[in-house]
Amino acid sequence: MMDSPVLARMTMEEFLALPETMLRRELIYGELVEAMAAPELDHQDIVLNLAVLLRRIEKTHGGKAYISPVDVRLASDVMVQPDALWVAPDGVCKPEGKKRLVGAPDLIVEVLSLSTAIEDRKRKFALYESVGVREYWLVDPRDRLMEVWQLKDGRFARLGIYGAGDTFVSALVGSIDARAVLEG
């Protein structure tokens, strides 16, 4: 697995002034990170499954669901684009104008790929934990597994690893059938 390349150091103002692009671009602690390769098809299948699941959650629990690309400003030097996210009705994440969100979403989902897996498991894991994301799901399309982390006393605690035949209880939205994410 390779890391996404760090292209430059910059401020949030410089980041926001960059021209629009079709590439996934994030600012993490002042470092511009850009994913160079398009996601694999199984990655995109899972993102589509997440969109359907999160839309159902939105209808039953309220709040708002988004899929990438959507910019989320988590700090003065951090702008990420999670693969999918959900903001609870009482969540701290709010729209900032019409182009981005600001604050920690309640649920963030990252779908692992060869170019992002290390970043998602290490730096983003620590980042999401530090800003108070309440639940973090890591989805592995190759092994068809979901790893679920829940924030407890300011630290992520692993709820478990789930395959397509498993269900788990999200502290935010109740029972989830992993098949809905992994197979659609």
Protein backbone atom coordinates (compact mmCIF):
# COMPACT_ATOMS: atom_id res chain seq x y z
CA MET A 1 0.00 0.00 0.00
CA MET A 2 1.24 3.46 -0.78
CA ASP A 3 0.51 6.75 0.90
CA SER A 4 -1.23 9.60 -0.88
CA PRO A 5 1.45 12.06 -1.96
CA VAL A 6 1.98 15.23 0.06
CA LEU A 7 2.30 17.92 -2.58
CA ALA A 8 2.92 21.11 -0.58
CA ARG A 9 2.43 22.92 2.71
CA MET A 10 -0.17 25.69 2.67
CA THR A 11 -2.70 27.63 4.66
CA MET A 12 -6.45 27.11 4.50
CA GLU A 13 -6.76 30.35 2.54
CA GLU A 14 -4.28 29.08 -0.06
CA PHE A 15 -6.10 25.74 -0.18
CA LEU A 16 -9.47 27.42 -0.75
CA ALA A 17 -7.98 29.55 -3.55
CA LEU A 18 -6.85 26.49 -5.55
CA PRO A 19 -8.73 25.92 -8.81
CA GLU A 20 -11.42 23.23 -8.80
CA THR A 21 -10.30 19.78 -9.88
CA MET A 22 -11.75 16.32 -10.37
CA LEU A 23 -8.98 14.89 -8.16
CA ARG A 24 -9.66 14.23 -4.49
CA ARG A 25 -7.76 16.94 -2.63
CA GLU A 26 -7.43 17.36 1.14
CA LEU A 27 -5.52 19.61 3.52
CA ILE A 28 -4.34 17.73 6.60
CA TYR A 29 -2.47 19.77 9.19
CA GLY A 30 -1.38 22.22 6.50
CA GLU A 31 -0.21 19.53 4.04
CA LEU A 32 -1.88 19.31 0.63
CA VAL A 33 -2.66 15.65 -0.10
CA GLU A 34 -4.06 14.55 -3.44
CA ALA A 35 -5.22 11.09 -4.49
CA MET A 36 -3.87 10.49 -7.96
CA ALA A 37 -5.75 7.38 -9.06
CA ALA A 38 -9.47 6.97 -9.56
CA PRO A 39 -11.04 4.51 -7.10
CA GLU A 40 -11.56 0.91 -8.18
CA LEU A 41 -15.06 -0.20 -9.17
CA ASP A 42 -15.66 -2.19 -5.96
CA HIS A 43 -14.82 0.97 -3.98
CA GLN A 44 -17.45 2.88 -5.94
CA ASP A 45 -20.02 0.08 -5.48
CA ILE A 46 -19.56 0.36 -1.71
CA VAL A 47 -19.87 4.16 -1.79
CA LEU A 48 -23.14 3.75 -3.68
CA ASN A 49 -24.34 1.19 -1.09
CA LEU A 50 -23.40 3.64 1.66
CA ALA A 51 -25.38 6.39 -0.07
CA VAL A 52 -28.48 4.19 -0.06
CA LEU A 53 -27.98 3.15 3.58
CA LEU A 54 -27.26 6.67 4.78
CA ARG A 55 -30.30 8.02 2.92
CA ARG A 56 -32.45 5.47 4.82
CA ILE A 57 -30.80 6.57 8.08
CA GLU A 58 -31.50 10.18 7.15
CA LYS A 59 -35.19 9.37 6.63
CA THR A 60 -35.58 7.41 9.88
CA HIS A 61 -33.30 9.41 12.21
CA GLY A 62 -33.17 12.83 10.56
CA GLY A 63 -29.94 14.65 10.03
CA LYS A 64 -28.13 14.79 6.72
CA ALA A 65 -26.03 12.31 4.72
CA TYR A 66 -23.32 13.12 2.17
CA ILE A 67 -20.94 11.18 -0.07
CA SER A 68 -17.64 12.31 -1.53
CA PRO A 69 -16.71 14.72 -2.84
CA VAL A 70 -17.80 17.04 -0.03
CA ASP A 71 -15.31 19.22 1.83
CA VAL A 72 -15.41 19.06 5.63
CA ARG A 73 -13.37 21.66 7.55
CA LEU A 74 -12.32 20.12 10.85
CA ALA A 75 -9.74 22.70 11.95
CA SER A 76 -8.04 25.85 10.68
CA ASP A 77 -5.55 23.67 8.76
CA VAL A 78 -7.66 20.58 8.03
CA MET A 79 -10.12 20.00 5.16
CA VAL A 80 -11.04 16.38 4.37
CA GLN A 81 -13.29 14.59 1.90
CA PRO A 82 -14.58 11.41 3.59
CA ASP A 83 -16.14 8.80 1.31
CA ALA A 84 -19.43 9.10 3.21
CA LEU A 85 -20.72 10.83 6.31
CA TRP A 86 -23.84 11.47 8.34
CA VAL A 87 -24.62 14.45 10.54
CA ALA A 88 -27.16 13.85 13.32
CA PRO A 89 -29.96 16.41 13.75
CA ASP A 90 -28.26 17.69 16.92
CA GLY A 91 -24.72 17.32 15.54
CA VAL A 92 -22.03 19.99 15.64
CA CYS A 93 -21.21 19.72 11.91
CA LYS A 94 -22.95 22.51 9.98
CA PRO A 95 -22.96 23.87 6.43
CA GLU A 96 -20.51 26.69 5.79
CA GLY A 97 -22.05 28.44 2.82
CA LYS A 98 -23.03 26.17 -0.07
CA LYS A 99 -19.67 24.50 -0.68
CA ARG A 100 -18.57 22.78 2.52
CA LEU A 101 -19.31 21.59 6.03
CA VAL A 102 -17.54 22.71 9.19
CA GLY A 103 -17.19 20.68 12.38
CA ALA A 104 -17.03 16.98 13.16
CA PRO A 105 -19.69 14.81 11.49
CA ASP A 106 -21.27 12.21 13.78
CA LEU A 107 -20.42 9.30 11.46
CA ILE A 108 -17.59 9.12 8.94
CA VAL A 109 -17.01 6.19 6.60
CA GLU A 110 -13.80 5.68 4.65
CA VAL A 111 -13.60 2.96 1.99
CA LEU A 112 -10.06 1.62 1.91
CA SER A 113 -8.04 1.60 -1.30
CA LEU A 114 -4.40 0.90 -2.02
CA SER A 115 -3.61 4.61 -2.20
CA THR A 116 -5.52 5.66 0.97
CA ALA A 117 -5.57 2.73 3.42
CA ILE A 118 -2.57 3.82 5.48
CA GLU A 119 -3.81 7.41 5.66
CA ASP A 120 -7.33 6.24 6.64
CA ARG A 121 -6.08 3.84 9.32
CA LYS A 122 -3.44 6.09 10.87
CA ARG A 123 -3.55 9.84 10.34
CA LYS A 124 -7.26 10.18 9.62
CA PHE A 125 -8.11 7.77 12.44
CA ALA A 126 -6.22 9.98 14.92
CA LEU A 127 -7.65 13.14 13.37
CA TYR A 128 -11.27 11.97 13.49
CA GLU A 129 -10.81 10.77 17.06
CA SER A 130 -9.27 14.10 18.14
CA VAL A 131 -12.10 16.23 16.71
CA GLY A 132 -14.86 14.09 18.22
CA VAL A 133 -16.30 12.06 15.33
CA ARG A 134 -18.67 9.79 17.25
CA GLU A 135 -18.43 6.75 14.96
CA TYR A 136 -15.87 5.78 12.31
CA TRP A 137 -16.37 2.91 9.88
CA LEU A 138 -13.51 1.57 7.76
CA VAL A 139 -14.73 -0.57 4.87
CA ASP A 140 -12.37 -2.96 3.11
CA PRO A 141 -13.77 -3.78 -0.35
CA ARG A 142 -11.14 -6.46 -1.08
CA ASP A 143 -11.82 -8.54 2.02
CA ARG A 144 -15.50 -7.46 2.25
CA LEU A 145 -15.19 -6.40 5.88
CA MET A 146 -16.26 -3.40 7.96
CA GLU A 147 -14.34 -2.25 11.01
CA VAL A 148 -16.48 -0.13 13.35
CA TRP A 149 -15.06 2.29 15.91
CA GLN A 150 -17.10 4.27 18.45
CA LEU A 151 -15.93 7.25 20.48
CA LYS A 152 -15.92 6.52 24.21
CA ASP A 153 -14.41 8.98 26.69
CA GLY A 154 -12.62 10.83 23.89
CA ARG A 155 -10.98 7.70 22.40
CA PHE A 156 -12.06 5.34 19.63
CA ALA A 157 -12.94 1.86 20.89
CA ARG A 158 -13.35 -0.90 18.31
CA LEU A 159 -16.86 -2.28 18.34
CA GLY A 160 -15.88 -5.08 15.97
CA ILE A 161 -15.11 -6.29 12.46
CA TYR A 162 -18.11 -7.42 10.43
CA GLY A 163 -18.68 -9.39 7.24
CA ALA A 164 -21.69 -9.61 4.95
CA GLY A 165 -23.52 -12.06 7.23
CA ASP A 166 -23.16 -9.89 10.33
CA THR A 167 -25.16 -7.17 12.00
CA PHE A 168 -23.96 -4.68 14.58
CA VAL A 169 -25.51 -1.98 16.73
CA SER A 170 -24.43 1.54 15.92
CA ALA A 171 -24.63 3.79 18.97
CA LEU A 172 -25.97 6.48 16.63
CA VAL A 173 -28.57 4.75 14.46
CA GLY A 174 -29.23 1.26 15.83
CA SER A 175 -28.94 -2.10 14.09
CA ILE A 176 -26.94 -2.21 10.84
CA ASP A 177 -26.76 -5.18 8.48
CA ALA A 178 -23.21 -5.14 7.09
CA ARG A 179 -24.55 -6.79 3.92
CA ALA A 180 -26.25 -3.47 3.02
CA VAL A 181 -22.80 -1.85 2.80
CA LEU A 182 -20.72 -4.74 1.49
CA GLU A 183 -23.13 -6.18 -1.07
CA GLY A 184 -25.93 -3.66 -1.51
